[in-house]
Amino acid sequence: MANVLPVAGTVSHLPPPPGGRWTVADYERLPDDGQRYELIDGDLRMAPAPNPDHQHVSGLIFYYLMQYVQMSGHGRVFAAPIDVELSPTTIVQPDVVVLLHGGAAAITSQRIVGPPDLVVEVVSPGTASYDRREKRDLYAAAGVREYWIADPGHRAVELLTLEGRGYRAEHVYLGQAIIPSAVVPGWTVATDLLFG
């Protein structure tokens, strides 16, 4: 595995183990080599390290969600890297994860298991289509109630809400607009503040 390198700025696929498909057990045996891995329907992916803009925006979103969710006693907020097991063949590492009290996800000693109430992904040029297609479909199928896609380049957040087994695109928010989250209690943060 050490000879497989990611293409700069893109998500790379790694060859499967002898069984043909990756499992959670295979994932757990990966070396702690500082890389970010995700397991998508039995396919192991290695993502590039986030750039400074990505980290800045991710940190601000985490900061504000901490205030509205965790500090107000409504649940817990986590920032990447943290494993979220959506199925026996899928483990993802969202940029920010919100778990409300009484939600469907459980916190174990190793990871979060089950669908979070809210997942936030901050897109980079190399991961935008991955976040907007594959991850969107995975999160919807798993039952993640709300999905925010933050785009630092456009200083905008797209809000997707679960409707049945798929997401309904609510709107793209920017400037002084406030994301009308059904998950985050009392959210009143202007979208521009999430981008610094």
C-alpha atoms as a PDB file:
ATOM      1  CA  MET A   1       0.000   0.000   0.000  1.00  0.00           C
ATOM      2  CA  ALA A   2       2.926   2.380   0.628  1.00  0.00           C
ATOM      3  CA  ASN A   3       3.630   2.586  -3.112  1.00  0.00           C
ATOM      4  CA  VAL A   4       0.171   3.993  -3.929  1.00  0.00           C
ATOM      5  CA  LEU A   5       0.285   7.777  -3.886  1.00  0.00           C
ATOM      6  CA  PRO A   6      -2.668  10.134  -4.270  1.00  0.00           C
ATOM      7  CA  VAL A   7      -2.822  12.462  -7.227  1.00  0.00           C
ATOM      8  CA  ALA A   8      -2.364  15.970  -5.826  1.00  0.00           C
ATOM      9  CA  GLY A   9      -5.693  17.418  -4.733  1.00  0.00           C
ATOM     10  CA  THR A  10      -7.829  14.383  -5.631  1.00  0.00           C
ATOM     11  CA  VAL A  11      -9.318  11.365  -3.897  1.00  0.00           C
ATOM     12  CA  SER A  12      -7.400   8.192  -4.811  1.00  0.00           C
ATOM     13  CA  HIS A  13      -8.616   4.592  -4.848  1.00  0.00           C
ATOM     14  CA  LEU A  14      -6.411   1.912  -3.309  1.00  0.00           C
ATOM     15  CA  PRO A  15      -6.210  -1.720  -4.458  1.00  0.00           C
ATOM     16  CA  PRO A  16      -8.478  -4.144  -2.583  1.00  0.00           C
ATOM     17  CA  PRO A  17      -7.224  -6.773  -0.123  1.00  0.00           C
ATOM     18  CA  PRO A  18      -7.065 -10.434  -1.220  1.00  0.00           C
ATOM     19  CA  GLY A  19     -10.829 -10.883  -0.599  1.00  0.00           C
ATOM     20  CA  GLY A  20     -11.630  -8.349  -3.303  1.00  0.00           C
ATOM     21  CA  ARG A  21     -13.493  -5.770  -1.210  1.00  0.00           C
ATOM     22  CA  TRP A  22     -12.509  -3.796   1.851  1.00  0.00           C
ATOM     23  CA  THR A  23     -14.402  -4.392   5.098  1.00  0.00           C
ATOM     24  CA  VAL A  24     -14.504  -2.523   8.395  1.00  0.00           C
ATOM     25  CA  ALA A  25     -12.100  -5.165   9.789  1.00  0.00           C
ATOM     26  CA  ASP A  26      -9.629  -4.437   6.945  1.00  0.00           C
ATOM     27  CA  TYR A  27     -10.023  -0.721   7.583  1.00  0.00           C
ATOM     28  CA  GLU A  28      -9.230  -1.217  11.272  1.00  0.00           C
ATOM     29  CA  ARG A  29      -5.954  -2.942  10.331  1.00  0.00           C
ATOM     30  CA  LEU A  30      -4.680   0.001   8.275  1.00  0.00           C
ATOM     31  CA  PRO A  31      -1.436   1.460   9.630  1.00  0.00           C
ATOM     32  CA  ASP A  32      -1.562   4.794  11.419  1.00  0.00           C
ATOM     33  CA  ASP A  33       0.423   6.494   8.656  1.00  0.00           C
ATOM     34  CA  GLY A  34      -1.044   9.995   8.889  1.00  0.00           C
ATOM     35  CA  GLN A  35      -3.179   9.559   5.750  1.00  0.00           C
ATOM     36  CA  ARG A  36      -6.945  10.159   5.626  1.00  0.00           C
ATOM     37  CA  TYR A  37      -8.812   7.055   4.474  1.00  0.00           C
ATOM     38  CA  GLU A  38     -12.492   6.459   3.839  1.00  0.00           C
ATOM     39  CA  LEU A  39     -14.255   3.190   3.075  1.00  0.00           C
ATOM     40  CA  ILE A  40     -17.027   3.684   0.503  1.00  0.00           C
ATOM     41  CA  ASP A  41     -19.127   0.576  -0.190  1.00  0.00           C
ATOM     42  CA  GLY A  42     -16.062  -1.685   0.143  1.00  0.00           C
ATOM     43  CA  ASP A  43     -13.770   0.643  -1.845  1.00  0.00           C
ATOM     44  CA  LEU A  44     -10.912   2.249   0.105  1.00  0.00           C
ATOM     45  CA  ARG A  45     -10.178   5.896  -0.737  1.00  0.00           C
ATOM     46  CA  MET A  46      -7.259   8.049   0.310  1.00  0.00           C
ATOM     47  CA  ALA A  47      -7.929  11.788   0.384  1.00  0.00           C
ATOM     48  CA  PRO A  48      -5.334  14.549   0.109  1.00  0.00           C
ATOM     49  CA  ALA A  49      -4.498  16.698   3.117  1.00  0.00           C
ATOM     50  CA  PRO A  50      -6.830  19.699   3.356  1.00  0.00           C
ATOM     51  CA  ASN A  51      -5.481  23.085   2.244  1.00  0.00           C
ATOM     52  CA  PRO A  52      -5.341  26.109   4.602  1.00  0.00           C
ATOM     53  CA  ASP A  53      -8.617  27.643   3.290  1.00  0.00           C
ATOM     54  CA  HIS A  54     -10.398  24.347   3.880  1.00  0.00           C
ATOM     55  CA  GLN A  55      -9.057  24.083   7.432  1.00  0.00           C
ATOM     56  CA  HIS A  56      -9.909  27.713   8.224  1.00  0.00           C
ATOM     57  CA  VAL A  57     -13.538  27.313   7.104  1.00  0.00           C
ATOM     58  CA  SER A  58     -13.897  23.903   8.732  1.00  0.00           C
ATOM     59  CA  GLY A  59     -12.610  25.361  12.009  1.00  0.00           C
ATOM     60  CA  LEU A  60     -15.041  28.291  11.918  1.00  0.00           C
ATOM     61  CA  ILE A  61     -18.023  26.039  11.201  1.00  0.00           C
ATOM     62  CA  PHE A  62     -16.959  23.735  14.041  1.00  0.00           C
ATOM     63  CA  TYR A  63     -16.598  26.756  16.368  1.00  0.00           C
ATOM     64  CA  TYR A  64     -20.095  28.083  15.672  1.00  0.00           C
ATOM     65  CA  LEU A  65     -21.732  24.653  15.792  1.00  0.00           C
ATOM     66  CA  MET A  66     -20.031  24.006  19.150  1.00  0.00           C
ATOM     67  CA  GLN A  67     -21.717  27.132  20.536  1.00  0.00           C
ATOM     68  CA  TYR A  68     -25.183  26.295  19.233  1.00  0.00           C
ATOM     69  CA  VAL A  69     -25.175  22.553  19.860  1.00  0.00           C
ATOM     70  CA  GLN A  70     -22.653  21.394  22.443  1.00  0.00           C
ATOM     71  CA  MET A  71     -22.290  24.473  24.656  1.00  0.00           C
ATOM     72  CA  SER A  72     -26.077  24.836  24.807  1.00  0.00           C
ATOM     73  CA  GLY A  73     -26.504  21.191  25.851  1.00  0.00           C
ATOM     74  CA  HIS A  74     -28.249  19.866  22.735  1.00  0.00           C
ATOM     75  CA  GLY A  75     -25.659  17.286  21.711  1.00  0.00           C
ATOM     76  CA  ARG A  76     -22.039  16.784  20.589  1.00  0.00           C
ATOM     77  CA  VAL A  77     -19.972  18.233  17.745  1.00  0.00           C
ATOM     78  CA  PHE A  78     -16.885  16.569  16.240  1.00  0.00           C
ATOM     79  CA  ALA A  79     -14.281  17.740  13.739  1.00  0.00           C
ATOM     80  CA  ALA A  80     -12.230  15.625  11.329  1.00  0.00           C
ATOM     81  CA  PRO A  81     -10.524  13.322  11.535  1.00  0.00           C
ATOM     82  CA  ILE A  82     -13.219  11.128  13.082  1.00  0.00           C
ATOM     83  CA  ASP A  83     -14.579   7.891  11.673  1.00  0.00           C
ATOM     84  CA  VAL A  84     -18.315   7.605  11.054  1.00  0.00           C
ATOM     85  CA  GLU A  85     -19.507   4.076  10.226  1.00  0.00           C
ATOM     86  CA  LEU A  86     -22.597   4.285   8.039  1.00  0.00           C
ATOM     87  CA  SER A  87     -22.714   0.560   7.157  1.00  0.00           C
ATOM     88  CA  PRO A  88     -20.493  -2.557   7.450  1.00  0.00           C
ATOM     89  CA  THR A  89     -18.732  -1.487   4.234  1.00  0.00           C
ATOM     90  CA  THR A  90     -18.743   2.314   4.623  1.00  0.00           C
ATOM     91  CA  ILE A  91     -16.710   4.525   6.959  1.00  0.00           C
ATOM     92  CA  VAL A  92     -16.371   8.232   6.198  1.00  0.00           C
ATOM     93  CA  GLN A  93     -14.527  11.139   7.800  1.00  0.00           C
ATOM     94  CA  PRO A  94     -16.744  14.220   7.431  1.00  0.00           C
ATOM     95  CA  ASP A  95     -15.246  17.626   8.161  1.00  0.00           C
ATOM     96  CA  VAL A  96     -17.789  18.356  10.921  1.00  0.00           C
ATOM     97  CA  VAL A  97     -20.336  16.013  12.528  1.00  0.00           C
ATOM     98  CA  VAL A  98     -23.278  16.930  14.776  1.00  0.00           C
ATOM     99  CA  LEU A  99     -25.007  14.383  17.005  1.00  0.00           C
ATOM    100  CA  LEU A 100     -28.091  15.534  18.887  1.00  0.00           C
ATOM    101  CA  HIS A 101     -29.242  13.884  22.103  1.00  0.00           C
ATOM    102  CA  GLY A 102     -31.667  11.093  21.205  1.00  0.00           C
ATOM    103  CA  GLY A 103     -30.382  10.853  17.610  1.00  0.00           C
ATOM    104  CA  ALA A 104     -29.791   7.641  15.684  1.00  0.00           C
ATOM    105  CA  ALA A 105     -25.970   7.585  15.941  1.00  0.00           C
ATOM    106  CA  ALA A 106     -23.991   6.042  18.797  1.00  0.00           C
ATOM    107  CA  ILE A 107     -20.541   7.017  20.040  1.00  0.00           C
ATOM    108  CA  THR A 108     -18.256   4.026  20.629  1.00  0.00           C
ATOM    109  CA  SER A 109     -14.660   3.924  21.824  1.00  0.00           C
ATOM    110  CA  GLN A 110     -13.485   3.719  18.188  1.00  0.00           C
ATOM    111  CA  ARG A 111     -15.918   5.754  16.119  1.00  0.00           C
ATOM    112  CA  ILE A 112     -19.420   7.090  15.573  1.00  0.00           C
ATOM    113  CA  VAL A 113     -21.783   4.345  14.392  1.00  0.00           C
ATOM    114  CA  GLY A 114     -24.968   5.260  12.564  1.00  0.00           C
ATOM    115  CA  PRO A 115     -26.206   8.395  10.849  1.00  0.00           C
ATOM    116  CA  PRO A 116     -25.326  11.759  12.433  1.00  0.00           C
ATOM    117  CA  ASP A 117     -28.041  14.414  12.548  1.00  0.00           C
ATOM    118  CA  LEU A 118     -25.910  16.848  10.536  1.00  0.00           C
ATOM    119  CA  VAL A 119     -22.795  16.393   8.411  1.00  0.00           C
ATOM    120  CA  VAL A 120     -20.762  19.284   6.992  1.00  0.00           C
ATOM    121  CA  GLU A 121     -18.282  18.855   4.149  1.00  0.00           C
ATOM    122  CA  VAL A 122     -16.006  21.710   3.085  1.00  0.00           C
ATOM    123  CA  VAL A 123     -15.288  21.266  -0.611  1.00  0.00           C
ATOM    124  CA  SER A 124     -11.872  21.601  -2.205  1.00  0.00           C
ATOM    125  CA  PRO A 125     -11.284  21.624  -5.981  1.00  0.00           C
ATOM    126  CA  GLY A 126     -10.216  17.958  -5.935  1.00  0.00           C
ATOM    127  CA  THR A 127     -13.086  16.714  -3.744  1.00  0.00           C
ATOM    128  CA  ALA A 128     -16.070  18.831  -4.851  1.00  0.00           C
ATOM    129  CA  SER A 129     -17.703  16.250  -7.146  1.00  0.00           C
ATOM    130  CA  TYR A 130     -17.012  13.480  -4.589  1.00  0.00           C
ATOM    131  CA  ASP A 131     -18.746  15.507  -1.842  1.00  0.00           C
ATOM    132  CA  ARG A 132     -21.619  16.598  -4.085  1.00  0.00           C
ATOM    133  CA  ARG A 133     -22.391  13.183  -5.585  1.00  0.00           C
ATOM    134  CA  GLU A 134     -21.023  10.078  -3.858  1.00  0.00           C
ATOM    135  CA  LYS A 135     -21.037  11.406  -0.321  1.00  0.00           C
ATOM    136  CA  ARG A 136     -24.411  13.078  -0.793  1.00  0.00           C
ATOM    137  CA  ASP A 137     -25.912   9.751  -1.873  1.00  0.00           C
ATOM    138  CA  LEU A 138     -24.224   7.853   0.976  1.00  0.00           C
ATOM    139  CA  TYR A 139     -25.419  10.312   3.603  1.00  0.00           C
ATOM    140  CA  ALA A 140     -28.975  10.262   2.264  1.00  0.00           C
ATOM    141  CA  ALA A 141     -29.103   6.449   2.110  1.00  0.00           C
ATOM    142  CA  ALA A 142     -27.780   6.250   5.696  1.00  0.00           C
ATOM    143  CA  GLY A 143     -30.422   8.689   6.978  1.00  0.00           C
ATOM    144  CA  VAL A 144     -28.335  11.795   7.767  1.00  0.00           C
ATOM    145  CA  ARG A 145     -31.075  14.397   8.327  1.00  0.00           C
ATOM    146  CA  GLU A 146     -29.186  17.440   7.100  1.00  0.00           C
ATOM    147  CA  TYR A 147     -26.111  17.922   4.905  1.00  0.00           C
ATOM    148  CA  TRP A 148     -24.248  21.220   4.494  1.00  0.00           C
ATOM    149  CA  ILE A 149     -21.795  21.622   1.619  1.00  0.00           C
ATOM    150  CA  ALA A 150     -19.556  24.620   2.323  1.00  0.00           C
ATOM    151  CA  ASP A 151     -17.698  26.141  -0.628  1.00  0.00           C
ATOM    152  CA  PRO A 152     -14.839  28.467   0.440  1.00  0.00           C
ATOM    153  CA  GLY A 153     -14.282  29.626  -3.155  1.00  0.00           C
ATOM    154  CA  HIS A 154     -17.818  31.026  -3.390  1.00  0.00           C
ATOM    155  CA  ARG A 155     -18.252  31.707   0.361  1.00  0.00           C
ATOM    156  CA  ALA A 156     -21.514  29.780   0.158  1.00  0.00           C
ATOM    157  CA  VAL A 157     -23.233  26.889   1.942  1.00  0.00           C
ATOM    158  CA  GLU A 158     -25.667  24.570   0.189  1.00  0.00           C
ATOM    159  CA  LEU A 159     -28.319  23.143   2.521  1.00  0.00           C
ATOM    160  CA  LEU A 160     -29.689  19.673   1.759  1.00  0.00           C
ATOM    161  CA  THR A 161     -32.477  18.184   3.871  1.00  0.00           C
ATOM    162  CA  LEU A 162     -33.506  14.550   3.937  1.00  0.00           C
ATOM    163  CA  GLU A 163     -36.846  13.841   2.322  1.00  0.00           C
ATOM    164  CA  GLY A 164     -37.643  10.146   2.111  1.00  0.00           C
ATOM    165  CA  ARG A 165     -34.489   8.402   0.871  1.00  0.00           C
ATOM    166  CA  GLY A 166     -32.959  11.395  -0.884  1.00  0.00           C
ATOM    167  CA  TYR A 167     -32.013  14.997  -0.303  1.00  0.00           C
ATOM    168  CA  ARG A 168     -33.999  18.028  -1.254  1.00  0.00           C
ATOM    169  CA  ALA A 169     -31.776  20.975  -2.113  1.00  0.00           C
ATOM    170  CA  GLU A 170     -33.169  23.836  -0.047  1.00  0.00           C
ATOM    171  CA  HIS A 171     -31.028  26.708  -1.268  1.00  0.00           C
ATOM    172  CA  VAL A 172     -27.482  28.045  -1.455  1.00  0.00           C
ATOM    173  CA  TYR A 173     -26.803  30.598   1.286  1.00  0.00           C
ATOM    174  CA  LEU A 174     -24.224  33.376   1.250  1.00  0.00           C
ATOM    175  CA  GLY A 175     -23.568  36.842   2.627  1.00  0.00           C
ATOM    176  CA  GLN A 176     -25.845  37.778   5.527  1.00  0.00           C
ATOM    177  CA  ALA A 177     -28.299  34.934   4.827  1.00  0.00           C
ATOM    178  CA  ILE A 178     -28.899  32.574   7.732  1.00  0.00           C
ATOM    179  CA  ILE A 179     -29.065  28.839   6.988  1.00  0.00           C
ATOM    180  CA  PRO A 180     -32.555  27.697   8.111  1.00  0.00           C
ATOM    181  CA  SER A 181     -31.346  24.535   9.798  1.00  0.00           C
ATOM    182  CA  ALA A 182     -33.967  22.143  11.103  1.00  0.00           C
ATOM    183  CA  VAL A 183     -31.240  20.358  13.101  1.00  0.00           C
ATOM    184  CA  VAL A 184     -29.294  23.152  14.839  1.00  0.00           C
ATOM    185  CA  PRO A 185     -31.461  24.789  17.542  1.00  0.00           C
ATOM    186  CA  GLY A 186     -31.700  28.576  17.255  1.00  0.00           C
ATOM    187  CA  TRP A 187     -29.072  28.942  14.501  1.00  0.00           C
ATOM    188  CA  THR A 188     -28.649  32.667  13.743  1.00  0.00           C
ATOM    189  CA  VAL A 189     -25.142  32.869  12.267  1.00  0.00           C
ATOM    190  CA  ALA A 190     -24.760  34.841   9.032  1.00  0.00           C
ATOM    191  CA  THR A 191     -23.239  32.622   6.364  1.00  0.00           C
ATOM    192  CA  ASP A 192     -20.365  35.072   5.733  1.00  0.00           C
ATOM    193  CA  LEU A 193     -19.082  34.521   9.280  1.00  0.00           C
ATOM    194  CA  LEU A 194     -18.413  30.869   8.448  1.00  0.00           C
ATOM    195  CA  PHE A 195     -15.755  31.960   5.946  1.00  0.00           C
ATOM    196  CA  GLY A 196     -13.899  34.471   8.138  1.00  0.00           C
END
